[in-house]
Amino acid sequence: MANALSNAERKQARMFNPDNAAILDDRTYNLTIGGVVLYGIIINILMCYYLAPVISAINPLALIIGYFVLAIAGSLITYRSDSPVISFVGYNMVVLPVGAVLTVCVQGYNSFVVSQAFILTAVITAVMLLLATAFPAVFAGMGRMLFAALLGSLLAGLVCMIFSFTTIILSWVIAVIFALYIGYDWVRAQQYVHTLDNAVDSALDIYMDIINLFLRLLMILNRSND
């Protein structure tokens, strides 16, 4: 997701509490992150289930433009704001267009594949969170490696697209990267000041990791079932 702040600057800013916001205890902080992530996923599920006909009728170009405008604006609002309320508004500005795009995407897959991808995503997410909690030092040191791997994978994907070449190996690599990002962003969230605003900001990071993992698994499972 595009952002005016660099990834490093954004995360460094969360290490401080310039406004002296209330500090949450570990349990409340983590439950807030989980609750906000779950809220976004539930909204997306409801959109896919109930709004498919409406969203499918939207002009594809308008949908894509709307997605980028709202998602980028929402990310900027969430990460730049020190107010949890405003950050949550920004979070919703990301969740809604993502849900619209997901609604269109899942139309091309049968329900069995979608269910498989959803369950597998949930299992992988749970495993990554458990591993990150058990081995935080391992995940904390993955930042640069994951960024480099993701950048390389995206460039490889661009080359494949230009030459009309597809490979399931690349999809698996990207899926693994986003799975590891879930653990990495969870560990990073624990290092930030435990404010409500940082909980919302961290939830957006993890939410996007999960969505990207789901989309990759959807592609992989669909090819496996062909």
C-alpha atoms as a PDB file:
ATOM      1  CA  MET A   1       0.000   0.000   0.000  1.00  0.00           C
ATOM      2  CA  ALA A   2       1.401   3.393  -0.980  1.00  0.00           C
ATOM      3  CA  ASN A   3       2.316   5.711   1.863  1.00  0.00           C
ATOM      4  CA  ALA A   4       3.876   9.170   2.055  1.00  0.00           C
ATOM      5  CA  LEU A   5       5.875   8.032   5.071  1.00  0.00           C
ATOM      6  CA  SER A   6       8.554   5.417   4.546  1.00  0.00           C
ATOM      7  CA  ASN A   7       8.044   2.098   6.279  1.00  0.00           C
ATOM      8  CA  ALA A   8      10.953   2.812   8.644  1.00  0.00           C
ATOM      9  CA  GLU A   9       9.739   6.322   9.512  1.00  0.00           C
ATOM     10  CA  ARG A  10       6.231   5.069  10.139  1.00  0.00           C
ATOM     11  CA  LYS A  11       7.358   2.349  12.515  1.00  0.00           C
ATOM     12  CA  GLN A  12       9.851   4.589  14.278  1.00  0.00           C
ATOM     13  CA  ALA A  13       7.099   7.141  14.968  1.00  0.00           C
ATOM     14  CA  ARG A  14       5.075   4.483  16.797  1.00  0.00           C
ATOM     15  CA  MET A  15       7.868   4.011  19.325  1.00  0.00           C
ATOM     16  CA  PHE A  16       6.977   7.310  20.996  1.00  0.00           C
ATOM     17  CA  ASN A  17       3.923   8.723  22.741  1.00  0.00           C
ATOM     18  CA  PRO A  18       4.185  12.495  22.199  1.00  0.00           C
ATOM     19  CA  ASP A  19       0.544  13.137  23.109  1.00  0.00           C
ATOM     20  CA  ASN A  20       0.765  11.123  26.332  1.00  0.00           C
ATOM     21  CA  ALA A  21      -2.105   8.896  25.232  1.00  0.00           C
ATOM     22  CA  ALA A  22      -3.375   6.271  27.648  1.00  0.00           C
ATOM     23  CA  ILE A  23      -1.241   3.135  27.709  1.00  0.00           C
ATOM     24  CA  LEU A  24      -3.098  -0.159  27.369  1.00  0.00           C
ATOM     25  CA  ASP A  25      -2.059  -3.324  29.175  1.00  0.00           C
ATOM     26  CA  ASP A  26      -0.708  -6.116  26.954  1.00  0.00           C
ATOM     27  CA  ARG A  27      -3.936  -8.113  26.936  1.00  0.00           C
ATOM     28  CA  THR A  28      -6.163  -5.169  26.015  1.00  0.00           C
ATOM     29  CA  TYR A  29      -3.716  -3.973  23.380  1.00  0.00           C
ATOM     30  CA  ASN A  30      -3.477  -7.371  21.688  1.00  0.00           C
ATOM     31  CA  LEU A  31      -7.216  -7.987  21.891  1.00  0.00           C
ATOM     32  CA  THR A  32      -7.770  -4.594  20.258  1.00  0.00           C
ATOM     33  CA  ILE A  33      -5.434  -5.488  17.386  1.00  0.00           C
ATOM     34  CA  GLY A  34      -7.168  -8.831  16.923  1.00  0.00           C
ATOM     35  CA  GLY A  35     -10.619  -7.281  17.173  1.00  0.00           C
ATOM     36  CA  VAL A  36      -9.893  -4.599  14.580  1.00  0.00           C
ATOM     37  CA  VAL A  37      -8.398  -7.169  12.178  1.00  0.00           C
ATOM     38  CA  LEU A  38     -11.379  -9.495  12.676  1.00  0.00           C
ATOM     39  CA  TYR A  39     -13.780  -6.588  12.158  1.00  0.00           C
ATOM     40  CA  GLY A  40     -12.193  -5.839   8.770  1.00  0.00           C
ATOM     41  CA  ILE A  41     -12.358  -9.474   7.674  1.00  0.00           C
ATOM     42  CA  ILE A  42     -16.008  -9.819   8.750  1.00  0.00           C
ATOM     43  CA  ILE A  43     -16.906  -6.659   6.803  1.00  0.00           C
ATOM     44  CA  ASN A  44     -15.212  -8.137   3.732  1.00  0.00           C
ATOM     45  CA  ILE A  45     -17.088 -11.441   4.115  1.00  0.00           C
ATOM     46  CA  LEU A  46     -20.420  -9.629   4.404  1.00  0.00           C
ATOM     47  CA  MET A  47     -19.618  -7.545   1.333  1.00  0.00           C
ATOM     48  CA  CYS A  48     -18.764 -10.665  -0.688  1.00  0.00           C
ATOM     49  CA  TYR A  49     -21.926 -12.422   0.463  1.00  0.00           C
ATOM     50  CA  TYR A  50     -24.514  -9.646   0.250  1.00  0.00           C
ATOM     51  CA  LEU A  51     -23.167  -6.972  -2.107  1.00  0.00           C
ATOM     52  CA  ALA A  52     -21.779  -9.050  -4.975  1.00  0.00           C
ATOM     53  CA  PRO A  53     -24.483  -8.024  -7.503  1.00  0.00           C
ATOM     54  CA  VAL A  54     -24.102  -4.331  -6.654  1.00  0.00           C
ATOM     55  CA  ILE A  55     -20.304  -4.322  -6.720  1.00  0.00           C
ATOM     56  CA  SER A  56     -20.133  -6.427  -9.899  1.00  0.00           C
ATOM     57  CA  ALA A  57     -22.262  -3.813 -11.662  1.00  0.00           C
ATOM     58  CA  ILE A  58     -19.681  -1.080 -11.005  1.00  0.00           C
ATOM     59  CA  ASN A  59     -17.541  -0.071 -13.967  1.00  0.00           C
ATOM     60  CA  PRO A  60     -14.198  -1.943 -13.599  1.00  0.00           C
ATOM     61  CA  LEU A  61     -12.138   1.198 -14.253  1.00  0.00           C
ATOM     62  CA  ALA A  62     -14.136   3.163 -11.689  1.00  0.00           C
ATOM     63  CA  LEU A  63     -13.695   0.306  -9.222  1.00  0.00           C
ATOM     64  CA  ILE A  64      -9.924   0.242  -9.679  1.00  0.00           C
ATOM     65  CA  ILE A  65      -9.583   4.028  -9.434  1.00  0.00           C
ATOM     66  CA  GLY A  66     -11.850   4.106  -6.389  1.00  0.00           C
ATOM     67  CA  TYR A  67      -9.829   1.323  -4.776  1.00  0.00           C
ATOM     68  CA  PHE A  68      -6.507   3.101  -5.136  1.00  0.00           C
ATOM     69  CA  VAL A  69      -7.834   6.511  -4.119  1.00  0.00           C
ATOM     70  CA  LEU A  70      -9.671   5.280  -1.016  1.00  0.00           C
ATOM     71  CA  ALA A  71      -7.064   2.710   0.041  1.00  0.00           C
ATOM     72  CA  ILE A  72      -4.135   5.108  -0.261  1.00  0.00           C
ATOM     73  CA  ALA A  73      -6.044   7.909   1.453  1.00  0.00           C
ATOM     74  CA  GLY A  74      -7.162   5.553   4.198  1.00  0.00           C
ATOM     75  CA  SER A  75      -3.620   4.315   4.780  1.00  0.00           C
ATOM     76  CA  LEU A  76      -2.305   7.852   5.002  1.00  0.00           C
ATOM     77  CA  ILE A  77      -5.016   8.848   7.453  1.00  0.00           C
ATOM     78  CA  THR A  78      -4.453   5.779   9.627  1.00  0.00           C
ATOM     79  CA  TYR A  79      -0.677   6.008   9.800  1.00  0.00           C
ATOM     80  CA  ARG A  80      -0.435   9.782  10.105  1.00  0.00           C
ATOM     81  CA  SER A  81      -3.153  10.270  12.705  1.00  0.00           C
ATOM     82  CA  ASP A  82      -2.517  10.110  16.453  1.00  0.00           C
ATOM     83  CA  SER A  83      -6.241   9.787  17.116  1.00  0.00           C
ATOM     84  CA  PRO A  84      -7.577   6.211  17.312  1.00  0.00           C
ATOM     85  CA  VAL A  85     -10.986   7.375  16.061  1.00  0.00           C
ATOM     86  CA  ILE A  86      -9.529   9.023  12.947  1.00  0.00           C
ATOM     87  CA  SER A  87      -7.194   6.068  12.429  1.00  0.00           C
ATOM     88  CA  PHE A  88     -10.176   3.728  12.554  1.00  0.00           C
ATOM     89  CA  VAL A  89     -11.956   5.858   9.951  1.00  0.00           C
ATOM     90  CA  GLY A  90      -8.865   5.494   7.759  1.00  0.00           C
ATOM     91  CA  TYR A  91      -8.865   1.757   8.428  1.00  0.00           C
ATOM     92  CA  ASN A  92     -12.428   1.516   7.141  1.00  0.00           C
ATOM     93  CA  MET A  93     -11.425   3.491   4.055  1.00  0.00           C
ATOM     94  CA  VAL A  94      -9.022   0.636   3.298  1.00  0.00           C
ATOM     95  CA  VAL A  95     -11.319  -2.228   4.313  1.00  0.00           C
ATOM     96  CA  LEU A  96     -14.238  -1.152   2.112  1.00  0.00           C
ATOM     97  CA  PRO A  97     -12.404  -0.881  -1.229  1.00  0.00           C
ATOM     98  CA  VAL A  98     -10.435  -4.042  -0.435  1.00  0.00           C
ATOM     99  CA  GLY A  99     -13.766  -5.768   0.184  1.00  0.00           C
ATOM    100  CA  ALA A 100     -15.068  -4.524  -3.150  1.00  0.00           C
ATOM    101  CA  VAL A 101     -12.040  -5.880  -4.992  1.00  0.00           C
ATOM    102  CA  LEU A 102     -12.257  -9.183  -3.103  1.00  0.00           C
ATOM    103  CA  THR A 103     -15.926  -9.457  -4.038  1.00  0.00           C
ATOM    104  CA  VAL A 104     -15.041  -9.194  -7.721  1.00  0.00           C
ATOM    105  CA  CYS A 105     -12.054 -11.536  -7.381  1.00  0.00           C
ATOM    106  CA  VAL A 106     -13.883 -14.397  -5.682  1.00  0.00           C
ATOM    107  CA  GLN A 107     -16.538 -14.406  -8.422  1.00  0.00           C
ATOM    108  CA  GLY A 108     -14.009 -16.171 -10.635  1.00  0.00           C
ATOM    109  CA  TYR A 109     -13.533 -19.096  -8.241  1.00  0.00           C
ATOM    110  CA  ASN A 110     -15.855 -21.842  -7.082  1.00  0.00           C
ATOM    111  CA  SER A 111     -17.040 -21.737  -3.492  1.00  0.00           C
ATOM    112  CA  PHE A 112     -15.017 -24.822  -2.512  1.00  0.00           C
ATOM    113  CA  VAL A 113     -11.727 -23.195  -3.507  1.00  0.00           C
ATOM    114  CA  VAL A 114     -12.678 -19.961  -1.721  1.00  0.00           C
ATOM    115  CA  SER A 115     -13.534 -21.914   1.432  1.00  0.00           C
ATOM    116  CA  GLN A 116     -10.254 -23.815   1.236  1.00  0.00           C
ATOM    117  CA  ALA A 117      -8.275 -20.591   0.865  1.00  0.00           C
ATOM    118  CA  PHE A 118     -10.134 -18.968   3.759  1.00  0.00           C
ATOM    119  CA  ILE A 119      -9.558 -21.897   6.127  1.00  0.00           C
ATOM    120  CA  LEU A 120      -5.914 -22.262   5.131  1.00  0.00           C
ATOM    121  CA  THR A 121      -5.360 -18.525   5.601  1.00  0.00           C
ATOM    122  CA  ALA A 122      -6.893 -18.681   9.078  1.00  0.00           C
ATOM    123  CA  VAL A 123      -4.710 -21.669  10.041  1.00  0.00           C
ATOM    124  CA  ILE A 124      -1.508 -20.088   8.701  1.00  0.00           C
ATOM    125  CA  THR A 125      -2.319 -16.796  10.449  1.00  0.00           C
ATOM    126  CA  ALA A 126      -2.818 -18.583  13.773  1.00  0.00           C
ATOM    127  CA  VAL A 127       0.421 -20.546  13.347  1.00  0.00           C
ATOM    128  CA  MET A 128       2.409 -17.413  12.448  1.00  0.00           C
ATOM    129  CA  LEU A 129       1.073 -15.543  15.478  1.00  0.00           C
ATOM    130  CA  LEU A 130       1.973 -18.451  17.756  1.00  0.00           C
ATOM    131  CA  LEU A 131       5.456 -18.758  16.271  1.00  0.00           C
ATOM    132  CA  ALA A 132       6.025 -15.004  16.468  1.00  0.00           C
ATOM    133  CA  THR A 133       4.962 -15.015  20.110  1.00  0.00           C
ATOM    134  CA  ALA A 134       7.256 -17.956  20.887  1.00  0.00           C
ATOM    135  CA  PHE A 135      10.251 -16.724  18.858  1.00  0.00           C
ATOM    136  CA  PRO A 136       9.977 -12.917  18.647  1.00  0.00           C
ATOM    137  CA  ALA A 137      13.698 -12.370  18.070  1.00  0.00           C
ATOM    138  CA  VAL A 138      13.640 -14.553  14.951  1.00  0.00           C
ATOM    139  CA  PHE A 139      10.775 -12.619  13.353  1.00  0.00           C
ATOM    140  CA  ALA A 140      12.063  -9.211  14.482  1.00  0.00           C
ATOM    141  CA  GLY A 141      15.166  -9.681  12.354  1.00  0.00           C
ATOM    142  CA  MET A 142      13.265 -10.520   9.174  1.00  0.00           C
ATOM    143  CA  GLY A 143      12.296  -6.990   8.126  1.00  0.00           C
ATOM    144  CA  ARG A 144      14.940  -6.247   5.503  1.00  0.00           C
ATOM    145  CA  MET A 145      14.964  -9.804   4.192  1.00  0.00           C
ATOM    146  CA  LEU A 146      11.187  -9.841   3.730  1.00  0.00           C
ATOM    147  CA  PHE A 147      11.177  -6.433   2.052  1.00  0.00           C
ATOM    148  CA  ALA A 148      13.923  -7.475  -0.370  1.00  0.00           C
ATOM    149  CA  ALA A 149      12.197 -10.795  -1.079  1.00  0.00           C
ATOM    150  CA  LEU A 150       8.847  -9.096  -1.697  1.00  0.00           C
ATOM    151  CA  LEU A 151      10.406  -6.488  -3.985  1.00  0.00           C
ATOM    152  CA  GLY A 152      12.219  -9.183  -5.942  1.00  0.00           C
ATOM    153  CA  SER A 153       9.039 -11.253  -6.231  1.00  0.00           C
ATOM    154  CA  LEU A 154       7.037  -8.286  -7.477  1.00  0.00           C
ATOM    155  CA  LEU A 155       9.680  -7.531 -10.103  1.00  0.00           C
ATOM    156  CA  ALA A 156       9.686 -11.186 -11.141  1.00  0.00           C
ATOM    157  CA  GLY A 157       5.892 -11.053 -11.361  1.00  0.00           C
ATOM    158  CA  LEU A 158       6.119  -7.980 -13.586  1.00  0.00           C
ATOM    159  CA  VAL A 159       8.518  -9.781 -15.920  1.00  0.00           C
ATOM    160  CA  CYS A 160       6.205 -12.799 -16.037  1.00  0.00           C
ATOM    161  CA  MET A 161       3.262 -10.544 -16.862  1.00  0.00           C
ATOM    162  CA  ILE A 162       5.158  -8.781 -19.656  1.00  0.00           C
ATOM    163  CA  PHE A 163       6.163 -12.075 -21.286  1.00  0.00           C
ATOM    164  CA  SER A 164       2.820 -13.792 -20.553  1.00  0.00           C
ATOM    165  CA  PHE A 165       4.558 -16.386 -18.428  1.00  0.00           C
ATOM    166  CA  THR A 166       2.973 -17.840 -15.307  1.00  0.00           C
ATOM    167  CA  THR A 167       4.529 -19.948 -12.578  1.00  0.00           C
ATOM    168  CA  ILE A 168       2.933 -21.354  -9.463  1.00  0.00           C
ATOM    169  CA  ILE A 169       6.334 -21.264  -7.749  1.00  0.00           C
ATOM    170  CA  LEU A 170       6.252 -17.465  -7.672  1.00  0.00           C
ATOM    171  CA  SER A 171       2.788 -17.542  -6.115  1.00  0.00           C
ATOM    172  CA  TRP A 172       4.062 -19.895  -3.413  1.00  0.00           C
ATOM    173  CA  VAL A 173       7.048 -17.633  -2.733  1.00  0.00           C
ATOM    174  CA  ILE A 174       4.825 -14.573  -2.336  1.00  0.00           C
ATOM    175  CA  ALA A 175       2.411 -16.520  -0.119  1.00  0.00           C
ATOM    176  CA  VAL A 176       5.297 -17.522   2.165  1.00  0.00           C
ATOM    177  CA  ILE A 177       6.521 -13.923   2.290  1.00  0.00           C
ATOM    178  CA  PHE A 178       3.133 -12.599   3.407  1.00  0.00           C
ATOM    179  CA  ALA A 179       2.762 -15.442   5.906  1.00  0.00           C
ATOM    180  CA  LEU A 180       6.071 -14.427   7.477  1.00  0.00           C
ATOM    181  CA  TYR A 181       5.011 -10.775   7.342  1.00  0.00           C
ATOM    182  CA  ILE A 182       2.085 -11.629   9.628  1.00  0.00           C
ATOM    183  CA  GLY A 183       4.512 -12.828  12.288  1.00  0.00           C
ATOM    184  CA  TYR A 184       6.895  -9.939  11.664  1.00  0.00           C
ATOM    185  CA  ASP A 185       4.203  -7.268  11.951  1.00  0.00           C
ATOM    186  CA  TRP A 186       2.852  -8.911  15.109  1.00  0.00           C
ATOM    187  CA  VAL A 187       6.281  -8.767  16.740  1.00  0.00           C
ATOM    188  CA  ARG A 188       6.740  -5.164  15.632  1.00  0.00           C
ATOM    189  CA  ALA A 189       3.336  -4.302  17.099  1.00  0.00           C
ATOM    190  CA  GLN A 190       4.552  -5.530  20.481  1.00  0.00           C
ATOM    191  CA  GLN A 191       7.511  -3.156  20.286  1.00  0.00           C
ATOM    192  CA  TYR A 192       5.373  -0.065  19.803  1.00  0.00           C
ATOM    193  CA  VAL A 193       3.952   2.006  22.629  1.00  0.00           C
ATOM    194  CA  HIS A 194       0.747   0.206  23.618  1.00  0.00           C
ATOM    195  CA  THR A 195      -1.703   2.968  22.733  1.00  0.00           C
ATOM    196  CA  LEU A 196      -5.106   2.523  21.141  1.00  0.00           C
ATOM    197  CA  ASP A 197      -3.958   4.385  18.046  1.00  0.00           C
ATOM    198  CA  ASN A 198      -0.942   2.100  17.599  1.00  0.00           C
ATOM    199  CA  ALA A 199      -3.231  -0.907  17.981  1.00  0.00           C
ATOM    200  CA  VAL A 200      -5.348   0.309  15.054  1.00  0.00           C
ATOM    201  CA  ASP A 201      -2.248   1.103  12.982  1.00  0.00           C
ATOM    202  CA  SER A 202      -0.791  -2.348  13.659  1.00  0.00           C
ATOM    203  CA  ALA A 203      -4.116  -3.984  12.835  1.00  0.00           C
ATOM    204  CA  LEU A 204      -4.006  -2.411   9.372  1.00  0.00           C
ATOM    205  CA  ASP A 205      -0.550  -3.889   8.742  1.00  0.00           C
ATOM    206  CA  ILE A 206      -1.648  -7.379   9.773  1.00  0.00           C
ATOM    207  CA  TYR A 207      -4.993  -7.104   7.959  1.00  0.00           C
ATOM    208  CA  MET A 208      -3.236  -6.329   4.669  1.00  0.00           C
ATOM    209  CA  ASP A 209      -0.800  -9.231   5.214  1.00  0.00           C
ATOM    210  CA  ILE A 210      -3.747 -11.595   5.680  1.00  0.00           C
ATOM    211  CA  ILE A 211      -5.620 -10.303   2.633  1.00  0.00           C
ATOM    212  CA  ASN A 212      -2.555 -10.667   0.409  1.00  0.00           C
ATOM    213  CA  LEU A 213      -1.932 -14.175   1.743  1.00  0.00           C
ATOM    214  CA  PHE A 214      -5.556 -15.134   1.060  1.00  0.00           C
ATOM    215  CA  LEU A 215      -5.421 -13.893  -2.529  1.00  0.00           C
ATOM    216  CA  ARG A 216      -2.233 -15.832  -3.234  1.00  0.00           C
ATOM    217  CA  LEU A 217      -3.621 -19.015  -1.698  1.00  0.00           C
ATOM    218  CA  LEU A 218      -6.764 -18.545  -3.763  1.00  0.00           C
ATOM    219  CA  MET A 219      -4.678 -18.506  -6.948  1.00  0.00           C
ATOM    220  CA  ILE A 220      -2.595 -21.498  -5.849  1.00  0.00           C
ATOM    221  CA  LEU A 221      -5.548 -23.653  -4.827  1.00  0.00           C
ATOM    222  CA  ASN A 222      -7.481 -22.774  -7.961  1.00  0.00           C
ATOM    223  CA  ARG A 223      -4.617 -23.977 -10.162  1.00  0.00           C
ATOM    224  CA  SER A 224      -4.211 -27.098  -8.028  1.00  0.00           C
ATOM    225  CA  ASN A 225      -7.895 -27.969  -8.510  1.00  0.00           C
ATOM    226  CA  ASP A 226      -7.828 -27.514 -12.294  1.00  0.00           C
END
